[in-house]
Amino acid sequence: MNRPVSENRDLFAIADLAKEFGISTRAIRFYEAKGLLAPERVGATRIFRRRDRARLILILRGKRLGFRCATSPTISASTTPIAPSRSTSSPPRSTNASPPSKPSSRICRPPSPN
């Protein structure tokens, strides 16, 4: 079975993951700041393990599907799916209820480098 070289490794630098997934190192640091990734540190160097790489794959897959970032440590530490950014079905509304609030348009993406 031909597996990519990166799957055979145990440790990754931030630049390795950024290059492999075609994202910036800033994006990876953003996901770390949100609590979605927790690399080990050796001095100021981030050391990512296979688990971090697998989580990054899930984060990027969820982003493509329109899921929001999970900022709760409880949610990010578990394997529970992150809540979608928009609901496909909504509960029935009563006529006296106020209109639903506008869903957040911020999807899990790092700030632009303006």
PDB file of N, CA and C in Angstrom:
ATOM      1  N   MET A   1       0.854  -1.186   0.000  1.00  0.00           N
ATOM      2  CA  MET A   1       0.000   0.000   0.000  1.00  0.00           C
ATOM      3  C   MET A   1       0.893   1.240   0.000  1.00  0.00           C
ATOM      4  N   ASN A   2       0.655   2.124  -0.899  1.00  0.00           N
ATOM      5  CA  ASN A   2       1.457   3.347  -1.000  1.00  0.00           C
ATOM      6  C   ASN A   2       0.824   4.440  -0.156  1.00  0.00           C
ATOM      7  N   ARG A   3       1.472   4.758   0.954  1.00  0.00           N
ATOM      8  CA  ARG A   3       1.004   5.848   1.801  1.00  0.00           C
ATOM      9  C   ARG A   3       1.909   7.036   1.599  1.00  0.00           C
ATOM     10  N   PRO A   4       1.338   8.254   1.701  1.00  0.00           N
ATOM     11  CA  PRO A   4       2.200   9.434   1.602  1.00  0.00           C
ATOM     12  C   PRO A   4       3.293   9.386   2.662  1.00  0.00           C
ATOM     13  N   VAL A   5       4.435   9.935   2.342  1.00  0.00           N
ATOM     14  CA  VAL A   5       5.575   9.933   3.250  1.00  0.00           C
ATOM     15  C   VAL A   5       5.206  10.550   4.590  1.00  0.00           C
ATOM     16  N   SER A   6       4.390  11.604   4.596  1.00  0.00           N
ATOM     17  CA  SER A   6       4.051  12.289   5.842  1.00  0.00           C
ATOM     18  C   SER A   6       3.286  11.390   6.807  1.00  0.00           C
ATOM     19  N   GLU A   7       2.545  10.402   6.306  1.00  0.00           N
ATOM     20  CA  GLU A   7       1.804   9.517   7.195  1.00  0.00           C
ATOM     21  C   GLU A   7       2.719   8.540   7.915  1.00  0.00           C
ATOM     22  N   ASN A   8       3.922   8.342   7.425  1.00  0.00           N
ATOM     23  CA  ASN A   8       4.872   7.427   8.051  1.00  0.00           C
ATOM     24  C   ASN A   8       5.673   8.103   9.158  1.00  0.00           C
ATOM     25  N   ARG A   9       5.579   9.407   9.282  1.00  0.00           N
ATOM     26  CA  ARG A   9       6.341  10.149  10.273  1.00  0.00           C
ATOM     27  C   ARG A   9       5.559  10.281  11.565  1.00  0.00           C
ATOM     28  N   ASP A  10       6.278  10.531  12.656  1.00  0.00           N
ATOM     29  CA  ASP A  10       5.639  10.744  13.951  1.00  0.00           C
ATOM     30  C   ASP A  10       5.630  12.214  14.367  1.00  0.00           C
ATOM     31  N   LEU A  11       6.622  12.996  13.905  1.00  0.00           N
ATOM     32  CA  LEU A  11       6.749  14.395  14.303  1.00  0.00           C
ATOM     33  C   LEU A  11       6.738  15.298  13.077  1.00  0.00           C
ATOM     34  N   PHE A  12       6.140  16.486  13.237  1.00  0.00           N
ATOM     35  CA  PHE A  12       6.033  17.435  12.139  1.00  0.00           C
ATOM     36  C   PHE A  12       6.323  18.836  12.653  1.00  0.00           C
ATOM     37  N   ALA A  13       6.983  19.644  11.841  1.00  0.00           N
ATOM     38  CA  ALA A  13       7.160  21.067  12.135  1.00  0.00           C
ATOM     39  C   ALA A  13       5.966  21.800  11.544  1.00  0.00           C
ATOM     40  N   ILE A  14       5.726  23.007  12.002  1.00  0.00           N
ATOM     41  CA  ILE A  14       4.598  23.790  11.506  1.00  0.00           C
ATOM     42  C   ILE A  14       4.713  24.028   9.993  1.00  0.00           C
ATOM     43  N   ALA A  15       5.931  24.240   9.504  1.00  0.00           N
ATOM     44  CA  ALA A  15       6.137  24.461   8.068  1.00  0.00           C
ATOM     45  C   ALA A  15       5.802  23.213   7.255  1.00  0.00           C
ATOM     46  N   ASP A  16       6.093  22.028   7.825  1.00  0.00           N
ATOM     47  CA  ASP A  16       5.762  20.777   7.138  1.00  0.00           C
ATOM     48  C   ASP A  16       4.261  20.654   6.917  1.00  0.00           C
ATOM     49  N   LEU A  17       3.483  20.911   7.968  1.00  0.00           N
ATOM     50  CA  LEU A  17       2.028  20.800   7.860  1.00  0.00           C
ATOM     51  C   LEU A  17       1.455  21.867   6.932  1.00  0.00           C
ATOM     52  N   ALA A  18       1.983  23.086   7.033  1.00  0.00           N
ATOM     53  CA  ALA A  18       1.501  24.171   6.178  1.00  0.00           C
ATOM     54  C   ALA A  18       1.722  23.823   4.702  1.00  0.00           C
ATOM     55  N   LYS A  19       2.885  23.307   4.395  1.00  0.00           N
ATOM     56  CA  LYS A  19       3.200  22.953   3.011  1.00  0.00           C
ATOM     57  C   LYS A  19       2.333  21.788   2.541  1.00  0.00           C
ATOM     58  N   GLU A  20       2.187  20.775   3.376  1.00  0.00           N
ATOM     59  CA  GLU A  20       1.398  19.594   2.999  1.00  0.00           C
ATOM     60  C   GLU A  20      -0.058  19.935   2.696  1.00  0.00           C
ATOM     61  N   PHE A  21      -0.649  20.823   3.495  1.00  0.00           N
ATOM     62  CA  PHE A  21      -2.070  21.128   3.338  1.00  0.00           C
ATOM     63  C   PHE A  21      -2.338  22.411   2.564  1.00  0.00           C
ATOM     64  N   GLY A  22      -1.277  23.080   2.125  1.00  0.00           N
ATOM     65  CA  GLY A  22      -1.455  24.285   1.322  1.00  0.00           C
ATOM     66  C   GLY A  22      -2.072  25.441   2.089  1.00  0.00           C
ATOM     67  N   ILE A  23      -1.723  25.551   3.363  1.00  0.00           N
ATOM     68  CA  ILE A  23      -2.216  26.662   4.178  1.00  0.00           C
ATOM     69  C   ILE A  23      -1.010  27.380   4.772  1.00  0.00           C
ATOM     70  N   SER A  24      -1.240  28.529   5.353  1.00  0.00           N
ATOM     71  CA  SER A  24      -0.139  29.296   5.933  1.00  0.00           C
ATOM     72  C   SER A  24       0.156  28.826   7.358  1.00  0.00           C
ATOM     73  N   THR A  25       1.349  29.114   7.811  1.00  0.00           N
ATOM     74  CA  THR A  25       1.692  28.809   9.197  1.00  0.00           C
ATOM     75  C   THR A  25       0.840  29.661  10.135  1.00  0.00           C
ATOM     76  N   ARG A  26       0.458  30.825   9.673  1.00  0.00           N
ATOM     77  CA  ARG A  26      -0.415  31.686  10.476  1.00  0.00           C
ATOM     78  C   ARG A  26      -1.766  31.021  10.718  1.00  0.00           C
ATOM     79  N   ALA A  27      -2.285  30.326   9.699  1.00  0.00           N
ATOM     80  CA  ALA A  27      -3.556  29.618   9.856  1.00  0.00           C
ATOM     81  C   ALA A  27      -3.430  28.532  10.930  1.00  0.00           C
ATOM     82  N   ILE A  28      -2.329  27.809  10.923  1.00  0.00           N
ATOM     83  CA  ILE A  28      -2.121  26.758  11.925  1.00  0.00           C
ATOM     84  C   ILE A  28      -2.011  27.372  13.317  1.00  0.00           C
ATOM     85  N   ARG A  29      -1.302  28.500  13.429  1.00  0.00           N
ATOM     86  CA  ARG A  29      -1.206  29.179  14.731  1.00  0.00           C
ATOM     87  C   ARG A  29      -2.582  29.682  15.174  1.00  0.00           C
ATOM     88  N   PHE A  30      -3.423  30.097  14.227  1.00  0.00           N
ATOM     89  CA  PHE A  30      -4.789  30.523  14.537  1.00  0.00           C
ATOM     90  C   PHE A  30      -5.581  29.367  15.143  1.00  0.00           C
ATOM     91  N   TYR A  31      -5.515  28.186  14.526  1.00  0.00           N
ATOM     92  CA  TYR A  31      -6.226  27.020  15.048  1.00  0.00           C
ATOM     93  C   TYR A  31      -5.688  26.633  16.428  1.00  0.00           C
ATOM     94  N   GLU A  32      -4.398  26.834  16.647  1.00  0.00           N
ATOM     95  CA  GLU A  32      -3.825  26.577  17.961  1.00  0.00           C
ATOM     96  C   GLU A  32      -4.385  27.576  18.978  1.00  0.00           C
ATOM     97  N   ALA A  33      -4.464  28.842  18.596  1.00  0.00           N
ATOM     98  CA  ALA A  33      -4.988  29.877  19.495  1.00  0.00           C
ATOM     99  C   ALA A  33      -6.446  29.613  19.855  1.00  0.00           C
ATOM    100  N   LYS A  34      -7.206  29.019  18.936  1.00  0.00           N
ATOM    101  CA  LYS A  34      -8.612  28.694  19.187  1.00  0.00           C
ATOM    102  C   LYS A  34      -8.770  27.432  20.024  1.00  0.00           C
ATOM    103  N   GLY A  35      -7.659  26.748  20.309  1.00  0.00           N
ATOM    104  CA  GLY A  35      -7.720  25.547  21.128  1.00  0.00           C
ATOM    105  C   GLY A  35      -7.998  24.282  20.347  1.00  0.00           C
ATOM    106  N   LEU A  36      -7.934  24.364  19.025  1.00  0.00           N
ATOM    107  CA  LEU A  36      -8.219  23.192  18.193  1.00  0.00           C
ATOM    108  C   LEU A  36      -7.002  22.296  18.014  1.00  0.00           C
ATOM    109  N   LEU A  37      -5.822  22.868  18.138  1.00  0.00           N
ATOM    110  CA  LEU A  37      -4.574  22.120  18.055  1.00  0.00           C
ATOM    111  C   LEU A  37      -3.760  22.428  19.305  1.00  0.00           C
ATOM    112  N   ALA A  38      -3.016  21.431  19.781  1.00  0.00           N
ATOM    113  CA  ALA A  38      -2.190  21.634  20.976  1.00  0.00           C
ATOM    114  C   ALA A  38      -0.830  20.975  20.774  1.00  0.00           C
ATOM    115  N   PRO A  39       0.025  21.603  19.957  1.00  0.00           N
ATOM    116  CA  PRO A  39       1.338  21.010  19.733  1.00  0.00           C
ATOM    117  C   PRO A  39       2.203  21.104  20.986  1.00  0.00           C
ATOM    118  N   GLU A  40       3.170  20.210  21.045  1.00  0.00           N
ATOM    119  CA  GLU A  40       4.143  20.302  22.128  1.00  0.00           C
ATOM    120  C   GLU A  40       5.104  21.433  21.800  1.00  0.00           C
ATOM    121  N   ARG A  41       5.794  21.923  22.798  1.00  0.00           N
ATOM    122  CA  ARG A  41       6.779  22.995  22.602  1.00  0.00           C
ATOM    123  C   ARG A  41       8.144  22.548  23.064  1.00  0.00           C
ATOM    124  N   VAL A  42       9.133  22.864  22.253  1.00  0.00           N
ATOM    125  CA  VAL A  42      10.528  22.705  22.636  1.00  0.00           C
ATOM    126  C   VAL A  42      11.116  24.095  22.445  1.00  0.00           C
ATOM    127  N   GLY A  43      11.211  24.829  23.544  1.00  0.00           N
ATOM    128  CA  GLY A  43      11.571  26.241  23.445  1.00  0.00           C
ATOM    129  C   GLY A  43      10.420  26.967  22.767  1.00  0.00           C
ATOM    130  N   ALA A  44      10.720  27.667  21.683  1.00  0.00           N
ATOM    131  CA  ALA A  44       9.676  28.368  20.935  1.00  0.00           C
ATOM    132  C   ALA A  44       9.193  27.554  19.734  1.00  0.00           C
ATOM    133  N   THR A  45       9.733  26.357  19.553  1.00  0.00           N
ATOM    134  CA  THR A  45       9.389  25.527  18.394  1.00  0.00           C
ATOM    135  C   THR A  45       8.185  24.656  18.695  1.00  0.00           C
ATOM    136  N   ARG A  46       7.230  24.653  17.771  1.00  0.00           N
ATOM    137  CA  ARG A  46       6.056  23.798  17.895  1.00  0.00           C
ATOM    138  C   ARG A  46       6.385  22.434  17.287  1.00  0.00           C
ATOM    139  N   ILE A  47       6.055  21.384  18.013  1.00  0.00           N
ATOM    140  CA  ILE A  47       6.246  20.021  17.542  1.00  0.00           C
ATOM    141  C   ILE A  47       4.860  19.382  17.449  1.00  0.00           C
ATOM    142  N   PHE A  48       4.451  19.060  16.235  1.00  0.00           N
ATOM    143  CA  PHE A  48       3.149  18.441  16.006  1.00  0.00           C
ATOM    144  C   PHE A  48       3.318  16.938  15.870  1.00  0.00           C
ATOM    145  N   ARG A  49       2.385  16.201  16.412  1.00  0.00           N
ATOM    146  CA  ARG A  49       2.401  14.743  16.323  1.00  0.00           C
ATOM    147  C   ARG A  49       1.341  14.282  15.313  1.00  0.00           C
ATOM    148  N   ARG A  50       1.266  12.984  15.104  1.00  0.00           N
ATOM    149  CA  ARG A  50       0.266  12.433  14.172  1.00  0.00           C
ATOM    150  C   ARG A  50      -1.154  12.852  14.551  1.00  0.00           C
ATOM    151  N   ARG A  51      -1.423  12.882  15.840  1.00  0.00           N
ATOM    152  CA  ARG A  51      -2.768  13.259  16.293  1.00  0.00           C
ATOM    153  C   ARG A  51      -3.092  14.699  15.887  1.00  0.00           C
ATOM    154  N   ASP A  52      -2.106  15.594  16.018  1.00  0.00           N
ATOM    155  CA  ASP A  52      -2.315  16.983  15.607  1.00  0.00           C
ATOM    156  C   ASP A  52      -2.571  17.058  14.103  1.00  0.00           C
ATOM    157  N   ARG A  53      -1.831  16.263  13.328  1.00  0.00           N
ATOM    158  CA  ARG A  53      -2.015  16.230  11.873  1.00  0.00           C
ATOM    159  C   ARG A  53      -3.421  15.734  11.536  1.00  0.00           C
ATOM    160  N   ALA A  54      -3.872  14.689  12.226  1.00  0.00           N
ATOM    161  CA  ALA A  54      -5.217  14.156  11.993  1.00  0.00           C
ATOM    162  C   ALA A  54      -6.280  15.191  12.353  1.00  0.00           C
ATOM    163  N   ARG A  55      -6.064  15.911  13.450  1.00  0.00           N
ATOM    164  CA  ARG A  55      -7.024  16.957  13.846  1.00  0.00           C
ATOM    165  C   ARG A  55      -7.060  18.079  12.811  1.00  0.00           C
ATOM    166  N   LEU A  56      -5.884  18.430  12.261  1.00  0.00           N
ATOM    167  CA  LEU A  56      -5.835  19.469  11.237  1.00  0.00           C
ATOM    168  C   LEU A  56      -6.606  19.023   9.996  1.00  0.00           C
ATOM    169  N   ILE A  57      -6.487  17.760   9.644  1.00  0.00           N
ATOM    170  CA  ILE A  57      -7.272  17.232   8.519  1.00  0.00           C
ATOM    171  C   ILE A  57      -8.760  17.415   8.796  1.00  0.00           C
ATOM    172  N   LEU A  58      -9.207  17.096  10.009  1.00  0.00           N
ATOM    173  CA  LEU A  58     -10.620  17.258  10.359  1.00  0.00           C
ATOM    174  C   LEU A  58     -11.043  18.719  10.364  1.00  0.00           C
ATOM    175  N   ILE A  59     -10.192  19.598  10.874  1.00  0.00           N
ATOM    176  CA  ILE A  59     -10.493  21.038  10.896  1.00  0.00           C
ATOM    177  C   ILE A  59     -10.695  21.545   9.472  1.00  0.00           C
ATOM    178  N   LEU A  60      -9.776  21.186   8.586  1.00  0.00           N
ATOM    179  CA  LEU A  60      -9.856  21.673   7.208  1.00  0.00           C
ATOM    180  C   LEU A  60     -11.041  21.057   6.472  1.00  0.00           C
ATOM    181  N   ARG A  61     -11.352  19.810   6.753  1.00  0.00           N
ATOM    182  CA  ARG A  61     -12.524  19.175   6.150  1.00  0.00           C
ATOM    183  C   ARG A  61     -13.799  19.862   6.629  1.00  0.00           C
ATOM    184  N   GLY A  62     -13.872  20.130   7.936  1.00  0.00           N
ATOM    185  CA  GLY A  62     -15.033  20.828   8.475  1.00  0.00           C
ATOM    186  C   GLY A  62     -15.177  22.220   7.898  1.00  0.00           C
ATOM    187  N   LYS A  63     -14.062  22.902   7.720  1.00  0.00           N
ATOM    188  CA  LYS A  63     -14.079  24.248   7.128  1.00  0.00           C
ATOM    189  C   LYS A  63     -14.664  24.202   5.716  1.00  0.00           C
ATOM    190  N   ARG A  64     -14.219  23.209   4.931  1.00  0.00           N
ATOM    191  CA  ARG A  64     -14.744  23.073   3.564  1.00  0.00           C
ATOM    192  C   ARG A  64     -16.241  22.799   3.562  1.00  0.00           C
ATOM    193  N   LEU A  65     -16.722  22.103   4.597  1.00  0.00           N
ATOM    194  CA  LEU A  65     -18.139  21.769   4.684  1.00  0.00           C
ATOM    195  C   LEU A  65     -18.975  22.881   5.319  1.00  0.00           C
ATOM    196  N   GLY A  66     -18.323  23.944   5.794  1.00  0.00           N
ATOM    197  CA  GLY A  66     -19.050  25.088   6.348  1.00  0.00           C
ATOM    198  C   GLY A  66     -19.240  25.060   7.847  1.00  0.00           C
ATOM    199  N   PHE A  67     -18.480  24.234   8.561  1.00  0.00           N
ATOM    200  CA  PHE A  67     -18.578  24.201  10.015  1.00  0.00           C
ATOM    201  C   PHE A  67     -17.794  25.347  10.635  1.00  0.00           C
ATOM    202  N   ARG A  68     -18.246  25.772  11.831  1.00  0.00           N
ATOM    203  CA  ARG A  68     -17.562  26.836  12.560  1.00  0.00           C
ATOM    204  C   ARG A  68     -16.450  26.271  13.412  1.00  0.00           C
ATOM    205  N   CYS A  69     -15.553  27.154  13.817  1.00  0.00           N
ATOM    206  CA  CYS A  69     -14.508  26.755  14.768  1.00  0.00           C
ATOM    207  C   CYS A  69     -15.164  26.447  16.102  1.00  0.00           C
ATOM    208  N   ALA A  70     -14.659  25.451  16.775  1.00  0.00           N
ATOM    209  CA  ALA A  70     -15.108  25.177  18.144  1.00  0.00           C
ATOM    210  C   ALA A  70     -14.132  25.869  19.066  1.00  0.00           C
ATOM    211  N   THR A  71     -14.622  26.750  19.907  1.00  0.00           N
ATOM    212  CA  THR A  71     -13.725  27.457  20.799  1.00  0.00           C
ATOM    213  C   THR A  71     -13.744  26.867  22.198  1.00  0.00           C
ATOM    214  N   SER A  72     -14.695  25.985  22.483  1.00  0.00           N
ATOM    215  CA  SER A  72     -14.759  25.372  23.800  1.00  0.00           C
ATOM    216  C   SER A  72     -13.720  24.277  23.919  1.00  0.00           C
ATOM    217  N   PRO A  73     -12.907  24.310  24.988  1.00  0.00           N
ATOM    218  CA  PRO A  73     -11.914  23.250  25.173  1.00  0.00           C
ATOM    219  C   PRO A  73     -12.569  21.875  25.278  1.00  0.00           C
ATOM    220  N   THR A  74     -13.791  21.809  25.845  1.00  0.00           N
ATOM    221  CA  THR A  74     -14.491  20.539  25.971  1.00  0.00           C
ATOM    222  C   THR A  74     -14.814  19.968  24.599  1.00  0.00           C
ATOM    223  N   ILE A  75     -15.306  20.817  23.712  1.00  0.00           N
ATOM    224  CA  ILE A  75     -15.658  20.356  22.375  1.00  0.00           C
ATOM    225  C   ILE A  75     -14.399  20.040  21.584  1.00  0.00           C
ATOM    226  N   SER A  76     -13.415  20.904  21.653  1.00  0.00           N
ATOM    227  CA  SER A  76     -12.222  20.689  20.849  1.00  0.00           C
ATOM    228  C   SER A  76     -11.404  19.503  21.328  1.00  0.00           C
ATOM    229  N   ALA A  77     -11.541  19.117  22.580  1.00  0.00           N
ATOM    230  CA  ALA A  77     -10.789  17.984  23.095  1.00  0.00           C
ATOM    231  C   ALA A  77     -11.454  16.654  22.769  1.00  0.00           C
ATOM    232  N   SER A  78     -12.724  16.697  22.415  1.00  0.00           N
ATOM    233  CA  SER A  78     -13.426  15.457  22.117  1.00  0.00           C
ATOM    234  C   SER A  78     -13.455  15.207  20.621  1.00  0.00           C
ATOM    235  N   THR A  79     -14.055  14.100  20.246  1.00  0.00           N
ATOM    236  CA  THR A  79     -14.200  13.798  18.832  1.00  0.00           C
ATOM    237  C   THR A  79     -15.609  14.125  18.352  1.00  0.00           C
ATOM    238  N   THR A  80     -16.375  14.836  19.171  1.00  0.00           N
ATOM    239  CA  THR A  80     -17.720  15.234  18.802  1.00  0.00           C
ATOM    240  C   THR A  80     -17.663  16.229  17.658  1.00  0.00           C
ATOM    241  N   PRO A  81     -18.522  16.059  16.637  1.00  0.00           N
ATOM    242  CA  PRO A  81     -18.508  17.007  15.523  1.00  0.00           C
ATOM    243  C   PRO A  81     -18.812  18.428  15.992  1.00  0.00           C
ATOM    244  N   ILE A  82     -18.241  19.387  15.312  1.00  0.00           N
ATOM    245  CA  ILE A  82     -18.465  20.793  15.600  1.00  0.00           C
ATOM    246  C   ILE A  82     -19.800  21.197  14.984  1.00  0.00           C
ATOM    247  N   ALA A  83     -20.542  22.085  15.639  1.00  0.00           N
ATOM    248  CA  ALA A  83     -21.853  22.502  15.150  1.00  0.00           C
ATOM    249  C   ALA A  83     -21.747  23.180  13.795  1.00  0.00           C
ATOM    250  N   PRO A  84     -22.664  22.867  12.846  1.00  0.00           N
ATOM    251  CA  PRO A  84     -22.617  23.512  11.526  1.00  0.00           C
ATOM    252  C   PRO A  84     -22.952  24.991  11.618  1.00  0.00           C
ATOM    253  N   SER A  85     -22.476  25.773  10.646  1.00  0.00           N
ATOM    254  CA  SER A  85     -22.677  27.216  10.676  1.00  0.00           C
ATOM    255  C   SER A  85     -24.106  27.614  10.328  1.00  0.00           C
ATOM    256  N   ARG A  86     -24.817  26.775   9.613  1.00  0.00           N
ATOM    257  CA  ARG A  86     -26.212  27.076   9.330  1.00  0.00           C
ATOM    258  C   ARG A  86     -27.022  25.792   9.382  1.00  0.00           C
ATOM    259  N   SER A  87     -28.212  25.920   9.882  1.00  0.00           N
ATOM    260  CA  SER A  87     -29.080  24.766  10.033  1.00  0.00           C
ATOM    261  C   SER A  87     -29.827  24.499   8.736  1.00  0.00           C
ATOM    262  N   THR A  88     -30.006  23.220   8.411  1.00  0.00           N
ATOM    263  CA  THR A  88     -30.767  22.883   7.211  1.00  0.00           C
ATOM    264  C   THR A  88     -32.247  22.805   7.515  1.00  0.00           C
ATOM    265  N   SER A  89     -32.599  22.588   8.768  1.00  0.00           N
ATOM    266  CA  SER A  89     -34.002  22.609   9.154  1.00  0.00           C
ATOM    267  C   SER A  89     -34.127  23.465  10.396  1.00  0.00           C
ATOM    268  N   SER A  90     -35.180  24.214  10.483  1.00  0.00           N
ATOM    269  CA  SER A  90     -35.360  25.064  11.644  1.00  0.00           C
ATOM    270  C   SER A  90     -36.625  24.647  12.373  1.00  0.00           C
ATOM    271  N   PRO A  91     -36.643  24.803  13.701  1.00  0.00           N
ATOM    272  CA  PRO A  91     -37.829  24.429  14.469  1.00  0.00           C
ATOM    273  C   PRO A  91     -38.984  25.358  14.140  1.00  0.00           C
ATOM    274  N   PRO A  92     -40.209  24.900  14.334  1.00  0.00           N
ATOM    275  CA  PRO A  92     -41.360  25.763  14.057  1.00  0.00           C
ATOM    276  C   PRO A  92     -41.340  26.993  14.949  1.00  0.00           C
ATOM    277  N   ARG A  93     -41.705  28.142  14.380  1.00  0.00           N
ATOM    278  CA  ARG A  93     -41.733  29.396  15.135  1.00  0.00           C
ATOM    279  C   ARG A  93     -43.167  29.753  15.467  1.00  0.00           C
ATOM    280  N   SER A  94     -43.351  30.316  16.642  1.00  0.00           N
ATOM    281  CA  SER A  94     -44.676  30.814  16.977  1.00  0.00           C
ATOM    282  C   SER A  94     -44.817  32.203  16.367  1.00  0.00           C
ATOM    283  N   THR A  95     -46.040  32.663  16.218  1.00  0.00           N
ATOM    284  CA  THR A  95     -46.264  33.968  15.594  1.00  0.00           C
ATOM    285  C   THR A  95     -45.826  35.110  16.498  1.00  0.00           C
ATOM    286  N   ASN A  96     -45.713  34.890  17.816  1.00  0.00           N
ATOM    287  CA  ASN A  96     -45.309  35.935  18.746  1.00  0.00           C
ATOM    288  C   ASN A  96     -43.797  36.009  18.925  1.00  0.00           C
ATOM    289  N   ALA A  97     -43.097  35.065  18.376  1.00  0.00           N
ATOM    290  CA  ALA A  97     -41.642  35.025  18.570  1.00  0.00           C
ATOM    291  C   ALA A  97     -40.962  36.074  17.701  1.00  0.00           C
ATOM    292  N   SER A  98     -39.842  36.557  18.191  1.00  0.00           N
ATOM    293  CA  SER A  98     -39.072  37.502  17.395  1.00  0.00           C
ATOM    294  C   SER A  98     -38.376  36.747  16.265  1.00  0.00           C
ATOM    295  N   PRO A  99     -38.031  37.445  15.180  1.00  0.00           N
ATOM    296  CA  PRO A  99     -37.367  36.759  14.072  1.00  0.00           C
ATOM    297  C   PRO A  99     -36.025  36.196  14.517  1.00  0.00           C
ATOM    298  N   PRO A 100     -35.605  35.086  13.904  1.00  0.00           N
ATOM    299  CA  PRO A 100     -34.331  34.494  14.321  1.00  0.00           C
ATOM    300  C   PRO A 100     -33.167  35.421  14.032  1.00  0.00           C
ATOM    301  N   SER A 101     -32.163  35.328  14.875  1.00  0.00           N
ATOM    302  CA  SER A 101     -30.996  36.165  14.651  1.00  0.00           C
ATOM    303  C   SER A 101     -30.238  35.654  13.437  1.00  0.00           C
ATOM    304  N   LYS A 102     -29.517  36.550  12.783  1.00  0.00           N
ATOM    305  CA  LYS A 102     -28.742  36.196  11.599  1.00  0.00           C
ATOM    306  C   LYS A 102     -27.612  35.263  12.003  1.00  0.00           C
ATOM    307  N   PRO A 103     -27.453  34.121  11.295  1.00  0.00           N
ATOM    308  CA  PRO A 103     -26.361  33.217  11.660  1.00  0.00           C
ATOM    309  C   PRO A 103     -25.013  33.876  11.424  1.00  0.00           C
ATOM    310  N   SER A 104     -24.070  33.458  12.210  1.00  0.00           N
ATOM    311  CA  SER A 104     -22.733  34.013  12.083  1.00  0.00           C
ATOM    312  C   SER A 104     -22.135  33.636  10.738  1.00  0.00           C
ATOM    313  N   SER A 105     -21.524  34.590  10.066  1.00  0.00           N
ATOM    314  CA  SER A 105     -20.910  34.305   8.775  1.00  0.00           C
ATOM    315  C   SER A 105     -19.433  33.984   8.937  1.00  0.00           C
ATOM    316  N   ARG A 106     -18.918  34.062  10.161  1.00  0.00           N
ATOM    317  CA  ARG A 106     -17.502  33.781  10.376  1.00  0.00           C
ATOM    318  C   ARG A 106     -17.284  32.280  10.446  1.00  0.00           C
ATOM    319  N   ILE A 107     -16.640  31.773   9.472  1.00  0.00           N
ATOM    320  CA  ILE A 107     -16.287  30.368   9.436  1.00  0.00           C
ATOM    321  C   ILE A 107     -14.843  30.262   9.873  1.00  0.00           C
ATOM    322  N   CYS A 108     -14.462  29.142  10.323  1.00  0.00           N
ATOM    323  CA  CYS A 108     -13.136  28.894  10.884  1.00  0.00           C
ATOM    324  C   CYS A 108     -12.027  29.277   9.912  1.00  0.00           C
ATOM    325  N   ARG A 109     -11.654  30.525   9.910  1.00  0.00           N
ATOM    326  CA  ARG A 109     -10.535  30.976   9.075  1.00  0.00           C
ATOM    327  C   ARG A 109      -9.768  32.059   9.810  1.00  0.00           C
ATOM    328  N   PRO A 110      -8.486  32.092   9.607  1.00  0.00           N
ATOM    329  CA  PRO A 110      -7.678  33.073  10.324  1.00  0.00           C
ATOM    330  C   PRO A 110      -7.924  34.479   9.798  1.00  0.00           C
ATOM    331  N   PRO A 111      -7.593  35.488  10.584  1.00  0.00           N
ATOM    332  CA  PRO A 111      -7.769  36.867  10.134  1.00  0.00           C
ATOM    333  C   PRO A 111      -6.920  37.157   8.900  1.00  0.00           C
ATOM    334  N   SER A 112      -7.433  38.028   8.049  1.00  0.00           N
ATOM    335  CA  SER A 112      -6.664  38.395   6.850  1.00  0.00           C
ATOM    336  C   SER A 112      -5.484  39.277   7.250  1.00  0.00           C
ATOM    337  N   PRO A 113      -4.379  39.181   6.508  1.00  0.00           N
ATOM    338  CA  PRO A 113      -3.155  39.913   6.881  1.00  0.00           C
ATOM    339  C   PRO A 113      -3.139  41.362   6.431  1.00  0.00           C
ATOM    340  N   ASN A 114      -4.227  42.089   6.593  1.00  0.00           N
ATOM    341  CA  ASN A 114      -4.304  43.488   6.169  1.00  0.00           C
ATOM    342  C   ASN A 114      -3.317  44.322   6.853  1.00  0.00           C
TER     343      ASN A 114
END
